[in-house]
PDB file of N, CA and C in Angstrom:
ATOM      1  N   UNK A   1      66.076 -11.702  56.974  1.00  0.00           N
ATOM      2  CA  UNK A   1      66.592 -12.994  56.600  1.00  0.00           C
ATOM      3  C   UNK A   1      66.066 -14.082  57.511  1.00  0.00           C
ATOM      4  N   UNK A   2      65.870 -13.782  58.789  1.00  0.00           N
ATOM      5  CA  UNK A   2      65.366 -14.778  59.733  1.00  0.00           C
ATOM      6  C   UNK A   2      63.935 -15.138  59.388  1.00  0.00           C
ATOM      7  N   UNK A   3      63.205 -14.168  58.871  1.00  0.00           N
ATOM      8  CA  UNK A   3      61.793 -14.437  58.508  1.00  0.00           C
ATOM      9  C   UNK A   3      61.702 -15.482  57.382  1.00  0.00           C
ATOM     10  N   UNK A   4      62.564 -15.375  56.383  1.00  0.00           N
ATOM     11  CA  UNK A   4      62.595 -16.337  55.309  1.00  0.00           C
ATOM     12  C   UNK A   4      62.940 -17.740  55.841  1.00  0.00           C
ATOM     13  N   UNK A   5      63.875 -17.779  56.813  1.00  0.00           N
ATOM     14  CA  UNK A   5      64.323 -19.022  57.385  1.00  0.00           C
ATOM     15  C   UNK A   5      63.145 -19.686  58.113  1.00  0.00           C
ATOM     16  N   UNK A   6      62.387 -18.885  58.878  1.00  0.00           N
ATOM     17  CA  UNK A   6      61.223 -19.447  59.573  1.00  0.00           C
ATOM     18  C   UNK A   6      60.141 -19.950  58.647  1.00  0.00           C
ATOM     19  N   UNK A   7      59.901 -19.267  57.549  1.00  0.00           N
ATOM     20  CA  UNK A   7      58.860 -19.706  56.589  1.00  0.00           C
ATOM     21  C   UNK A   7      59.304 -20.993  55.927  1.00  0.00           C
ATOM     22  N   UNK A   8      60.616 -21.140  55.661  1.00  0.00           N
ATOM     23  CA  UNK A   8      61.092 -22.393  55.068  1.00  0.00           C
ATOM     24  C   UNK A   8      60.925 -23.541  56.023  1.00  0.00           C
ATOM     25  N   UNK A   9      61.221 -23.310  57.317  1.00  0.00           N
ATOM     26  CA  UNK A   9      61.024 -24.354  58.298  1.00  0.00           C
ATOM     27  C   UNK A   9      59.541 -24.748  58.394  1.00  0.00           C
ATOM     28  N   UNK A  10      58.657 -23.774  58.375  1.00  0.00           N
ATOM     29  CA  UNK A  10      57.249 -24.030  58.421  1.00  0.00           C
ATOM     30  C   UNK A  10      56.791 -24.813  57.197  1.00  0.00           C
ATOM     31  N   UNK A  11      57.297 -24.431  56.062  1.00  0.00           N
ATOM     32  CA  UNK A  11      56.948 -25.096  54.797  1.00  0.00           C
ATOM     33  C   UNK A  11      57.447 -26.540  54.801  1.00  0.00           C
ATOM     34  N   UNK A  12      58.609 -26.796  55.299  1.00  0.00           N
ATOM     35  CA  UNK A  12      59.144 -28.159  55.361  1.00  0.00           C
ATOM     36  C   UNK A  12      58.298 -29.008  56.279  1.00  0.00           C
ATOM     37  N   UNK A  13      57.869 -28.457  57.416  1.00  0.00           N
ATOM     38  CA  UNK A  13      57.014 -29.202  58.341  1.00  0.00           C
ATOM     39  C   UNK A  13      55.654 -29.510  57.729  1.00  0.00           C
ATOM     40  N   UNK A  14      55.103 -28.532  56.982  1.00  0.00           N
ATOM     41  CA  UNK A  14      53.797 -28.771  56.298  1.00  0.00           C
ATOM     42  C   UNK A  14      53.945 -29.895  55.276  1.00  0.00           C
ATOM     43  N   UNK A  15      55.021 -29.848  54.479  1.00  0.00           N
ATOM     44  CA  UNK A  15      55.257 -30.876  53.498  1.00  0.00           C
ATOM     45  C   UNK A  15      55.434 -32.253  54.172  1.00  0.00           C
ATOM     46  N   UNK A  16      56.195 -32.284  55.245  1.00  0.00           N
ATOM     47  CA  UNK A  16      56.398 -33.527  55.976  1.00  0.00           C
ATOM     48  C   UNK A  16      55.109 -34.069  56.523  1.00  0.00           C
ATOM     49  N   UNK A  17      54.273 -33.229  57.112  1.00  0.00           N
ATOM     50  CA  UNK A  17      52.983 -33.687  57.644  1.00  0.00           C
ATOM     51  C   UNK A  17      52.082 -34.197  56.569  1.00  0.00           C
ATOM     52  N   UNK A  18      51.983 -33.459  55.461  1.00  0.00           N
ATOM     53  CA  UNK A  18      51.117 -33.885  54.358  1.00  0.00           C
ATOM     54  C   UNK A  18      51.564 -35.223  53.750  1.00  0.00           C
ATOM     55  N   UNK A  19      52.844 -35.371  53.512  1.00  0.00           N
ATOM     56  CA  UNK A  19      53.331 -36.607  52.935  1.00  0.00           C
ATOM     57  C   UNK A  19      53.204 -37.774  53.927  1.00  0.00           C
ATOM     58  N   UNK A  20      53.391 -37.477  55.209  1.00  0.00           N
ATOM     59  CA  UNK A  20      53.195 -38.538  56.213  1.00  0.00           C
ATOM     60  C   UNK A  20      51.747 -38.988  56.308  1.00  0.00           C
ATOM     61  N   UNK A  21      50.815 -38.037  56.228  1.00  0.00           N
ATOM     62  CA  UNK A  21      49.397 -38.389  56.254  1.00  0.00           C
ATOM     63  C   UNK A  21      49.014 -39.230  55.018  1.00  0.00           C
ATOM     64  N   UNK A  22      49.459 -38.866  53.845  1.00  0.00           N
ATOM     65  CA  UNK A  22      49.138 -39.654  52.643  1.00  0.00           C
ATOM     66  C   UNK A  22      49.739 -41.005  52.759  1.00  0.00           C
ATOM     67  N   UNK A  23      51.006 -41.121  53.203  1.00  0.00           N
ATOM     68  CA  UNK A  23      51.649 -42.432  53.348  1.00  0.00           C
ATOM     69  C   UNK A  23      50.938 -43.267  54.372  1.00  0.00           C
ATOM     70  N   UNK A  24      50.513 -42.689  55.462  1.00  0.00           N
ATOM     71  CA  UNK A  24      49.761 -43.396  56.521  1.00  0.00           C
ATOM     72  C   UNK A  24      48.478 -43.977  55.946  1.00  0.00           C
ATOM     73  N   UNK A  25      47.769 -43.193  55.157  1.00  0.00           N
ATOM     74  CA  UNK A  25      46.509 -43.703  54.554  1.00  0.00           C
ATOM     75  C   UNK A  25      46.819 -44.856  53.615  1.00  0.00           C
ATOM     76  N   UNK A  26      47.905 -44.736  52.810  1.00  0.00           N
ATOM     77  CA  UNK A  26      48.246 -45.815  51.898  1.00  0.00           C
ATOM     78  C   UNK A  26      48.621 -47.101  52.686  1.00  0.00           C
ATOM     79  N   UNK A  27      49.399 -46.940  53.722  1.00  0.00           N
ATOM     80  CA  UNK A  27      49.796 -48.125  54.505  1.00  0.00           C
ATOM     81  C   UNK A  27      48.576 -48.726  55.191  1.00  0.00           C
ATOM     82  N   UNK A  28      47.708 -47.890  55.752  1.00  0.00           N
ATOM     83  CA  UNK A  28      46.503 -48.428  56.388  1.00  0.00           C
ATOM     84  C   UNK A  28      45.625 -49.189  55.416  1.00  0.00           C
ATOM     85  N   UNK A  29      45.409 -48.649  54.248  1.00  0.00           N
ATOM     86  CA  UNK A  29      44.623 -49.369  53.224  1.00  0.00           C
ATOM     87  C   UNK A  29      45.336 -50.667  52.796  1.00  0.00           C
ATOM     88  N   UNK A  30      46.672 -50.601  52.743  1.00  0.00           N
ATOM     89  CA  UNK A  30      47.416 -51.838  52.376  1.00  0.00           C
ATOM     90  C   UNK A  30      47.319 -52.917  53.420  1.00  0.00           C
ATOM     91  N   UNK A  31      47.241 -52.546  54.656  1.00  0.00           N
ATOM     92  CA  UNK A  31      47.086 -53.520  55.763  1.00  0.00           C
ATOM     93  C   UNK A  31      45.650 -54.039  55.884  1.00  0.00           C
ATOM     94  N   UNK A  32      44.729 -53.105  55.853  1.00  0.00           N
ATOM     95  CA  UNK A  32      43.310 -53.447  56.052  1.00  0.00           C
ATOM     96  C   UNK A  32      42.695 -54.147  54.834  1.00  0.00           C
ATOM     97  N   UNK A  33      42.966 -53.615  53.644  1.00  0.00           N
ATOM     98  CA  UNK A  33      42.401 -54.122  52.397  1.00  0.00           C
ATOM     99  C   UNK A  33      40.897 -54.356  52.479  1.00  0.00           C
ATOM    100  N   UNK A  34      40.110 -53.327  52.529  1.00  0.00           N
ATOM    101  CA  UNK A  34      38.669 -53.535  52.627  1.00  0.00           C
ATOM    102  C   UNK A  34      38.155 -54.331  51.430  1.00  0.00           C
ATOM    103  N   UNK A  35      37.280 -55.324  51.724  1.00  0.00           N
ATOM    104  CA  UNK A  35      36.793 -56.194  50.640  1.00  0.00           C
ATOM    105  C   UNK A  35      36.031 -55.427  49.605  1.00  0.00           C
ATOM    106  N   UNK A  36      35.311 -54.379  50.017  1.00  0.00           N
ATOM    107  CA  UNK A  36      34.563 -53.597  49.023  1.00  0.00           C
ATOM    108  C   UNK A  36      35.441 -52.869  48.034  1.00  0.00           C
ATOM    109  N   UNK A  37      36.680 -52.587  48.424  1.00  0.00           N
ATOM    110  CA  UNK A  37      37.627 -51.909  47.543  1.00  0.00           C
ATOM    111  C   UNK A  37      38.591 -52.905  46.829  1.00  0.00           C
ATOM    112  N   UNK A  38      38.823 -54.026  47.498  1.00  0.00           N
ATOM    113  CA  UNK A  38      39.843 -54.954  47.012  1.00  0.00           C
ATOM    114  C   UNK A  38      39.271 -56.018  46.078  1.00  0.00           C
ATOM    115  N   UNK A  39      38.067 -56.493  46.310  1.00  0.00           N
ATOM    116  CA  UNK A  39      37.529 -57.610  45.569  1.00  0.00           C
ATOM    117  C   UNK A  39      36.615 -57.220  44.438  1.00  0.00           C
ATOM    118  N   UNK A  40      36.463 -55.943  44.172  1.00  0.00           N
ATOM    119  CA  UNK A  40      35.650 -55.473  43.056  1.00  0.00           C
ATOM    120  C   UNK A  40      36.590 -54.968  41.941  1.00  0.00           C
ATOM    121  N   UNK A  41      35.991 -54.701  40.775  1.00  0.00           N
ATOM    122  CA  UNK A  41      36.796 -54.249  39.631  1.00  0.00           C
ATOM    123  C   UNK A  41      36.259 -52.950  39.101  1.00  0.00           C
ATOM    124  N   UNK A  42      37.151 -52.046  38.741  1.00  0.00           N
ATOM    125  CA  UNK A  42      36.781 -50.743  38.185  1.00  0.00           C
ATOM    126  C   UNK A  42      37.863 -50.342  37.210  1.00  0.00           C
ATOM    127  N   UNK A  43      37.516 -50.200  35.938  1.00  0.00           N
ATOM    128  CA  UNK A  43      38.485 -49.793  34.887  1.00  0.00           C
ATOM    129  C   UNK A  43      39.681 -50.683  34.849  1.00  0.00           C
ATOM    130  N   UNK A  44      39.486 -51.973  34.970  1.00  0.00           N
ATOM    131  CA  UNK A  44      40.578 -52.920  34.789  1.00  0.00           C
ATOM    132  C   UNK A  44      41.304 -53.361  36.042  1.00  0.00           C
ATOM    133  N   UNK A  45      41.041 -52.719  37.150  1.00  0.00           N
ATOM    134  CA  UNK A  45      41.695 -53.107  38.395  1.00  0.00           C
ATOM    135  C   UNK A  45      40.783 -52.764  39.568  1.00  0.00           C
ATOM    136  N   UNK A  46      41.196 -53.070  40.743  1.00  0.00           N
ATOM    137  CA  UNK A  46      40.324 -52.802  41.911  1.00  0.00           C
ATOM    138  C   UNK A  46      40.380 -51.302  42.279  1.00  0.00           C
ATOM    139  N   UNK A  47      39.316 -50.830  42.888  1.00  0.00           N
ATOM    140  CA  UNK A  47      39.317 -49.434  43.366  1.00  0.00           C
ATOM    141  C   UNK A  47      40.449 -49.162  44.375  1.00  0.00           C
ATOM    142  N   UNK A  48      40.861 -50.171  45.108  1.00  0.00           N
ATOM    143  CA  UNK A  48      41.988 -50.027  46.051  1.00  0.00           C
ATOM    144  C   UNK A  48      43.269 -49.673  45.278  1.00  0.00           C
ATOM    145  N   UNK A  49      43.498 -50.368  44.166  1.00  0.00           N
ATOM    146  CA  UNK A  49      44.656 -50.027  43.348  1.00  0.00           C
ATOM    147  C   UNK A  49      44.580 -48.586  42.800  1.00  0.00           C
ATOM    148  N   UNK A  50      43.380 -48.191  42.417  1.00  0.00           N
ATOM    149  CA  UNK A  50      43.229 -46.784  41.914  1.00  0.00           C
ATOM    150  C   UNK A  50      43.503 -45.817  42.999  1.00  0.00           C
ATOM    151  N   UNK A  51      43.107 -46.121  44.225  1.00  0.00           N
ATOM    152  CA  UNK A  51      43.420 -45.213  45.345  1.00  0.00           C
ATOM    153  C   UNK A  51      44.921 -45.121  45.545  1.00  0.00           C
ATOM    154  N   UNK A  52      45.625 -46.279  45.465  1.00  0.00           N
ATOM    155  CA  UNK A  52      47.099 -46.253  45.616  1.00  0.00           C
ATOM    156  C   UNK A  52      47.743 -45.436  44.457  1.00  0.00           C
ATOM    157  N   UNK A  53      47.277 -45.619  43.235  1.00  0.00           N
ATOM    158  CA  UNK A  53      47.818 -44.889  42.125  1.00  0.00           C
ATOM    159  C   UNK A  53      47.622 -43.398  42.279  1.00  0.00           C
ATOM    160  N   UNK A  54      46.418 -42.991  42.647  1.00  0.00           N
ATOM    161  CA  UNK A  54      46.085 -41.542  42.765  1.00  0.00           C
ATOM    162  C   UNK A  54      46.872 -40.923  43.912  1.00  0.00           C
ATOM    163  N   UNK A  55      46.912 -41.604  45.064  1.00  0.00           N
ATOM    164  CA  UNK A  55      47.686 -41.054  46.208  1.00  0.00           C
ATOM    165  C   UNK A  55      49.161 -40.965  45.888  1.00  0.00           C
ATOM    166  N   UNK A  56      49.717 -41.929  45.161  1.00  0.00           N
ATOM    167  CA  UNK A  56      51.117 -41.881  44.790  1.00  0.00           C
ATOM    168  C   UNK A  56      51.360 -40.727  43.820  1.00  0.00           C
ATOM    169  N   UNK A  57      50.470 -40.471  42.910  1.00  0.00           N
ATOM    170  CA  UNK A  57      50.617 -39.348  41.994  1.00  0.00           C
ATOM    171  C   UNK A  57      50.516 -38.021  42.737  1.00  0.00           C
ATOM    172  N   UNK A  58      49.627 -37.953  43.742  1.00  0.00           N
ATOM    173  CA  UNK A  58      49.507 -36.704  44.543  1.00  0.00           C
ATOM    174  C   UNK A  58      50.831 -36.465  45.308  1.00  0.00           C
ATOM    175  N   UNK A  59      51.405 -37.523  45.873  1.00  0.00           N
ATOM    176  CA  UNK A  59      52.657 -37.344  46.576  1.00  0.00           C
ATOM    177  C   UNK A  59      53.770 -36.932  45.610  1.00  0.00           C
ATOM    178  N   UNK A  60      53.842 -37.534  44.444  1.00  0.00           N
ATOM    179  CA  UNK A  60      54.888 -37.203  43.486  1.00  0.00           C
ATOM    180  C   UNK A  60      54.730 -35.742  43.028  1.00  0.00           C
ATOM    181  N   UNK A  61      53.495 -35.354  42.789  1.00  0.00           N
ATOM    182  CA  UNK A  61      53.254 -33.935  42.373  1.00  0.00           C
ATOM    183  C   UNK A  61      53.667 -32.972  43.489  1.00  0.00           C
ATOM    184  N   UNK A  62      53.309 -33.282  44.732  1.00  0.00           N
ATOM    185  CA  UNK A  62      53.625 -32.380  45.835  1.00  0.00           C
ATOM    186  C   UNK A  62      55.131 -32.320  46.078  1.00  0.00           C
ATOM    187  N   UNK A  63      55.777 -33.457  45.933  1.00  0.00           N
ATOM    188  CA  UNK A  63      57.276 -33.437  46.099  1.00  0.00           C
ATOM    189  C   UNK A  63      57.901 -32.596  45.035  1.00  0.00           C
ATOM    190  N   UNK A  64      57.460 -32.742  43.777  1.00  0.00           N
ATOM    191  CA  UNK A  64      58.014 -31.890  42.702  1.00  0.00           C
ATOM    192  C   UNK A  64      57.657 -30.426  42.938  1.00  0.00           C
ATOM    193  N   UNK A  65      56.484 -30.150  43.382  1.00  0.00           N
ATOM    194  CA  UNK A  65      56.046 -28.773  43.617  1.00  0.00           C
ATOM    195  C   UNK A  65      56.866 -28.148  44.712  1.00  0.00           C
ATOM    196  N   UNK A  66      57.100 -28.873  45.810  1.00  0.00           N
ATOM    197  CA  UNK A  66      57.775 -28.269  46.980  1.00  0.00           C
ATOM    198  C   UNK A  66      59.306 -28.326  46.858  1.00  0.00           C
ATOM    199  N   UNK A  67      59.845 -29.551  46.513  1.00  0.00           N
ATOM    200  CA  UNK A  67      61.268 -29.692  46.596  1.00  0.00           C
ATOM    201  C   UNK A  67      62.013 -29.403  45.292  1.00  0.00           C
ATOM    202  N   UNK A  68      61.311 -29.405  44.180  1.00  0.00           N
ATOM    203  CA  UNK A  68      61.928 -29.028  42.920  1.00  0.00           C
ATOM    204  C   UNK A  68      61.606 -27.541  42.605  1.00  0.00           C
ATOM    205  N   UNK A  69      60.916 -26.887  43.543  1.00  0.00           N
ATOM    206  CA  UNK A  69      60.626 -25.453  43.509  1.00  0.00           C
ATOM    207  C   UNK A  69      59.815 -25.089  42.247  1.00  0.00           C
ATOM    208  N   UNK A  70      58.869 -25.912  41.874  1.00  0.00           N
ATOM    209  CA  UNK A  70      58.065 -25.600  40.708  1.00  0.00           C
ATOM    210  C   UNK A  70      57.087 -24.433  40.978  1.00  0.00           C
ATOM    211  N   UNK A  71      56.753 -24.185  42.222  1.00  0.00           N
ATOM    212  CA  UNK A  71      55.814 -23.113  42.496  1.00  0.00           C
ATOM    213  C   UNK A  71      56.379 -21.751  42.150  1.00  0.00           C
ATOM    214  N   UNK A  72      57.719 -21.636  42.054  1.00  0.00           N
ATOM    215  CA  UNK A  72      58.336 -20.368  41.716  1.00  0.00           C
ATOM    216  C   UNK A  72      58.644 -20.198  40.232  1.00  0.00           C
ATOM    217  N   UNK A  73      58.334 -21.188  39.444  1.00  0.00           N
ATOM    218  CA  UNK A  73      58.618 -21.148  37.987  1.00  0.00           C
ATOM    219  C   UNK A  73      57.468 -20.516  37.228  1.00  0.00           C
ATOM    220  N   UNK A  74      57.703 -20.316  35.943  1.00  0.00           N
ATOM    221  CA  UNK A  74      56.627 -19.780  35.110  1.00  0.00           C
ATOM    222  C   UNK A  74      55.541 -20.822  34.913  1.00  0.00           C
ATOM    223  N   UNK A  75      54.361 -20.322  34.558  1.00  0.00           N
ATOM    224  CA  UNK A  75      53.206 -21.217  34.392  1.00  0.00           C
ATOM    225  C   UNK A  75      53.441 -22.283  33.332  1.00  0.00           C
ATOM    226  N   UNK A  76      54.072 -21.912  32.219  1.00  0.00           N
ATOM    227  CA  UNK A  76      54.257 -22.891  31.143  1.00  0.00           C
ATOM    228  C   UNK A  76      55.333 -23.925  31.436  1.00  0.00           C
ATOM    229  N   UNK A  77      56.330 -23.573  32.198  1.00  0.00           N
ATOM    230  CA  UNK A  77      57.340 -24.542  32.603  1.00  0.00           C
ATOM    231  C   UNK A  77      56.682 -25.546  33.555  1.00  0.00           C
ATOM    232  N   UNK A  78      55.892 -25.051  34.526  1.00  0.00           N
ATOM    233  CA  UNK A  78      55.211 -25.955  35.437  1.00  0.00           C
ATOM    234  C   UNK A  78      54.290 -26.889  34.679  1.00  0.00           C
ATOM    235  N   UNK A  79      53.542 -26.362  33.726  1.00  0.00           N
ATOM    236  CA  UNK A  79      52.627 -27.205  32.949  1.00  0.00           C
ATOM    237  C   UNK A  79      53.387 -28.234  32.116  1.00  0.00           C
ATOM    238  N   UNK A  80      54.483 -27.836  31.530  1.00  0.00           N
ATOM    239  CA  UNK A  80      55.234 -28.795  30.707  1.00  0.00           C
ATOM    240  C   UNK A  80      55.788 -29.936  31.546  1.00  0.00           C
ATOM    241  N   UNK A  81      56.265 -29.629  32.749  1.00  0.00           N
ATOM    242  CA  UNK A  81      56.789 -30.688  33.622  1.00  0.00           C
ATOM    243  C   UNK A  81      55.667 -31.575  34.121  1.00  0.00           C
ATOM    244  N   UNK A  82      54.601 -30.966  34.655  1.00  0.00           N
ATOM    245  CA  UNK A  82      53.527 -31.726  35.261  1.00  0.00           C
ATOM    246  C   UNK A  82      52.756 -32.540  34.196  1.00  0.00           C
ATOM    247  N   UNK A  83      52.383 -31.927  33.110  1.00  0.00           N
ATOM    248  CA  UNK A  83      51.570 -32.653  32.119  1.00  0.00           C
ATOM    249  C   UNK A  83      52.333 -33.725  31.380  1.00  0.00           C
ATOM    250  N   UNK A  84      53.643 -33.507  31.204  1.00  0.00           N
ATOM    251  CA  UNK A  84      54.439 -34.607  30.619  1.00  0.00           C
ATOM    252  C   UNK A  84      54.505 -35.802  31.568  1.00  0.00           C
ATOM    253  N   UNK A  85      54.696 -35.550  32.833  1.00  0.00           N
ATOM    254  CA  UNK A  85      54.689 -36.627  33.804  1.00  0.00           C
ATOM    255  C   UNK A  85      53.377 -37.328  33.909  1.00  0.00           C
ATOM    256  N   UNK A  86      52.288 -36.539  33.902  1.00  0.00           N
ATOM    257  CA  UNK A  86      50.929 -37.087  33.971  1.00  0.00           C
ATOM    258  C   UNK A  86      50.682 -37.980  32.751  1.00  0.00           C
ATOM    259  N   UNK A  87      51.029 -37.507  31.590  1.00  0.00           N
ATOM    260  CA  UNK A  87      50.811 -38.317  30.388  1.00  0.00           C
ATOM    261  C   UNK A  87      51.620 -39.582  30.418  1.00  0.00           C
ATOM    262  N   UNK A  88      52.914 -39.523  30.750  1.00  0.00           N
ATOM    263  CA  UNK A  88      53.743 -40.747  30.767  1.00  0.00           C
ATOM    264  C   UNK A  88      53.307 -41.724  31.848  1.00  0.00           C
ATOM    265  N   UNK A  89      52.930 -41.251  32.997  1.00  0.00           N
ATOM    266  CA  UNK A  89      52.457 -42.160  34.041  1.00  0.00           C
ATOM    267  C   UNK A  89      51.145 -42.786  33.658  1.00  0.00           C
ATOM    268  N   UNK A  90      50.232 -42.015  33.075  1.00  0.00           N
ATOM    269  CA  UNK A  90      48.967 -42.534  32.650  1.00  0.00           C
ATOM    270  C   UNK A  90      49.133 -43.599  31.560  1.00  0.00           C
ATOM    271  N   UNK A  91      50.035 -43.330  30.660  1.00  0.00           N
ATOM    272  CA  UNK A  91      50.369 -44.301  29.592  1.00  0.00           C
ATOM    273  C   UNK A  91      50.942 -45.585  30.170  1.00  0.00           C
ATOM    274  N   UNK A  92      51.865 -45.475  31.114  1.00  0.00           N
ATOM    275  CA  UNK A  92      52.430 -46.629  31.769  1.00  0.00           C
ATOM    276  C   UNK A  92      51.370 -47.446  32.527  1.00  0.00           C
ATOM    277  N   UNK A  93      50.505 -46.738  33.250  1.00  0.00           N
ATOM    278  CA  UNK A  93      49.449 -47.470  34.012  1.00  0.00           C
ATOM    279  C   UNK A  93      48.511 -48.163  33.051  1.00  0.00           C
ATOM    280  N   UNK A  94      48.159 -47.517  31.960  1.00  0.00           N
ATOM    281  CA  UNK A  94      47.296 -48.139  30.954  1.00  0.00           C
ATOM    282  C   UNK A  94      47.914 -49.396  30.381  1.00  0.00           C
ATOM    283  N   UNK A  95      49.162 -49.329  29.973  1.00  0.00           N
ATOM    284  CA  UNK A  95      49.849 -50.481  29.418  1.00  0.00           C
ATOM    285  C   UNK A  95      49.967 -51.607  30.435  1.00  0.00           C
ATOM    286  N   UNK A  96      50.298 -51.256  31.707  1.00  0.00           N
ATOM    287  CA  UNK A  96      50.421 -52.289  32.733  1.00  0.00           C
ATOM    288  C   UNK A  96      49.096 -52.994  32.975  1.00  0.00           C
ATOM    289  N   UNK A  97      47.984 -52.211  32.963  1.00  0.00           N
ATOM    290  CA  UNK A  97      46.671 -52.851  33.190  1.00  0.00           C
ATOM    291  C   UNK A  97      46.267 -53.708  32.032  1.00  0.00           C
ATOM    292  N   UNK A  98      46.546 -53.276  30.812  1.00  0.00           N
ATOM    293  CA  UNK A  98      46.204 -54.087  29.638  1.00  0.00           C
ATOM    294  C   UNK A  98      47.011 -55.377  29.619  1.00  0.00           C
ATOM    295  N   UNK A  99      48.322 -55.275  29.793  1.00  0.00           N
ATOM    296  CA  UNK A  99      49.184 -56.441  29.773  1.00  0.00           C
ATOM    297  C   UNK A  99      48.898 -57.353  30.954  1.00  0.00           C
ATOM    298  N   UNK A 100      48.681 -56.781  32.116  1.00  0.00           N
ATOM    299  CA  UNK A 100      48.362 -57.566  33.313  1.00  0.00           C
ATOM    300  C   UNK A 100      47.061 -58.346  33.136  1.00  0.00           C
ATOM    301  N   UNK A 101      46.058 -57.719  32.531  1.00  0.00           N
ATOM    302  CA  UNK A 101      44.815 -58.400  32.284  1.00  0.00           C
ATOM    303  C   UNK A 101      44.998 -59.532  31.272  1.00  0.00           C
ATOM    304  N   UNK A 102      45.781 -59.313  30.272  1.00  0.00           N
ATOM    305  CA  UNK A 102      46.062 -60.342  29.278  1.00  0.00           C
ATOM    306  C   UNK A 102      46.778 -61.534  29.897  1.00  0.00           C
ATOM    307  N   UNK A 103      47.802 -61.247  30.671  1.00  0.00           N
ATOM    308  CA  UNK A 103      48.574 -62.307  31.293  1.00  0.00           C
ATOM    309  C   UNK A 103      47.700 -63.096  32.298  1.00  0.00           C
ATOM    310  N   UNK A 104      46.879 -62.390  33.046  1.00  0.00           N
ATOM    311  CA  UNK A 104      46.014 -63.054  33.985  1.00  0.00           C
ATOM    312  C   UNK A 104      45.028 -63.979  33.275  1.00  0.00           C
ATOM    313  N   UNK A 105      44.424 -63.505  32.208  1.00  0.00           N
ATOM    314  CA  UNK A 105      43.467 -64.377  31.473  1.00  0.00           C
ATOM    315  C   UNK A 105      44.167 -65.513  30.773  1.00  0.00           C
ATOM    316  N   UNK A 106      45.383 -65.295  30.308  1.00  0.00           N
ATOM    317  CA  UNK A 106      46.128 -66.372  29.616  1.00  0.00           C
ATOM    318  C   UNK A 106      46.651 -67.403  30.549  1.00  0.00           C
ATOM    319  N   UNK A 107      47.164 -67.000  31.702  1.00  0.00           N
ATOM    320  CA  UNK A 107      47.769 -67.939  32.669  1.00  0.00           C
ATOM    321  C   UNK A 107      46.772 -68.487  33.659  1.00  0.00           C
ATOM    322  N   UNK A 108      45.547 -67.992  33.654  1.00  0.00           N
ATOM    323  CA  UNK A 108      44.578 -68.457  34.704  1.00  0.00           C
ATOM    324  C   UNK A 108      44.372 -69.949  34.715  1.00  0.00           C
ATOM    325  N   UNK A 109      44.341 -70.643  33.562  1.00  0.00           N
ATOM    326  CA  UNK A 109      44.182 -72.107  33.656  1.00  0.00           C
ATOM    327  C   UNK A 109      45.438 -72.823  34.158  1.00  0.00           C
ATOM    328  N   UNK A 110      46.566 -72.147  34.105  1.00  0.00           N
ATOM    329  CA  UNK A 110      47.840 -72.806  34.427  1.00  0.00           C
ATOM    330  C   UNK A 110      48.362 -72.499  35.828  1.00  0.00           C
ATOM    331  N   UNK A 111      47.895 -71.436  36.411  1.00  0.00           N
ATOM    332  CA  UNK A 111      48.431 -70.970  37.707  1.00  0.00           C
ATOM    333  C   UNK A 111      47.329 -70.965  38.745  1.00  0.00           C
ATOM    334  N   UNK A 112      47.606 -71.425  39.932  1.00  0.00           N
ATOM    335  CA  UNK A 112      46.669 -71.319  41.024  1.00  0.00           C
ATOM    336  C   UNK A 112      46.939 -70.005  41.732  1.00  0.00           C
ATOM    337  N   UNK A 113      45.982 -69.072  41.660  1.00  0.00           N
ATOM    338  CA  UNK A 113      46.151 -67.730  42.187  1.00  0.00           C
ATOM    339  C   UNK A 113      45.993 -67.697  43.653  1.00  0.00           C
TER     340      UNK A 113
END
């Protein structure tokens, strides 16, 4: 029983370190905002925004994998949870980029950015 307890402690520390590293990278990019990533456009938004979106999805996936215990479930249950979330988040991001681009082009003559 003590062995299982130790492996759980180790697993929690690994999850904490991984999530801390990803968050640190996100915060560093948010503070620094490299011009090459921030002032260019790729697929409707800047590469910096794509980095934030991808890192956030990685964190969300890892949190679900570790804390919702998806690694112990059947393959099809894991796929149904993960792919449903991936589809819905991708759909939301697509709609936000389309609507944001429309609003920006419509309001550009009226608003000083």
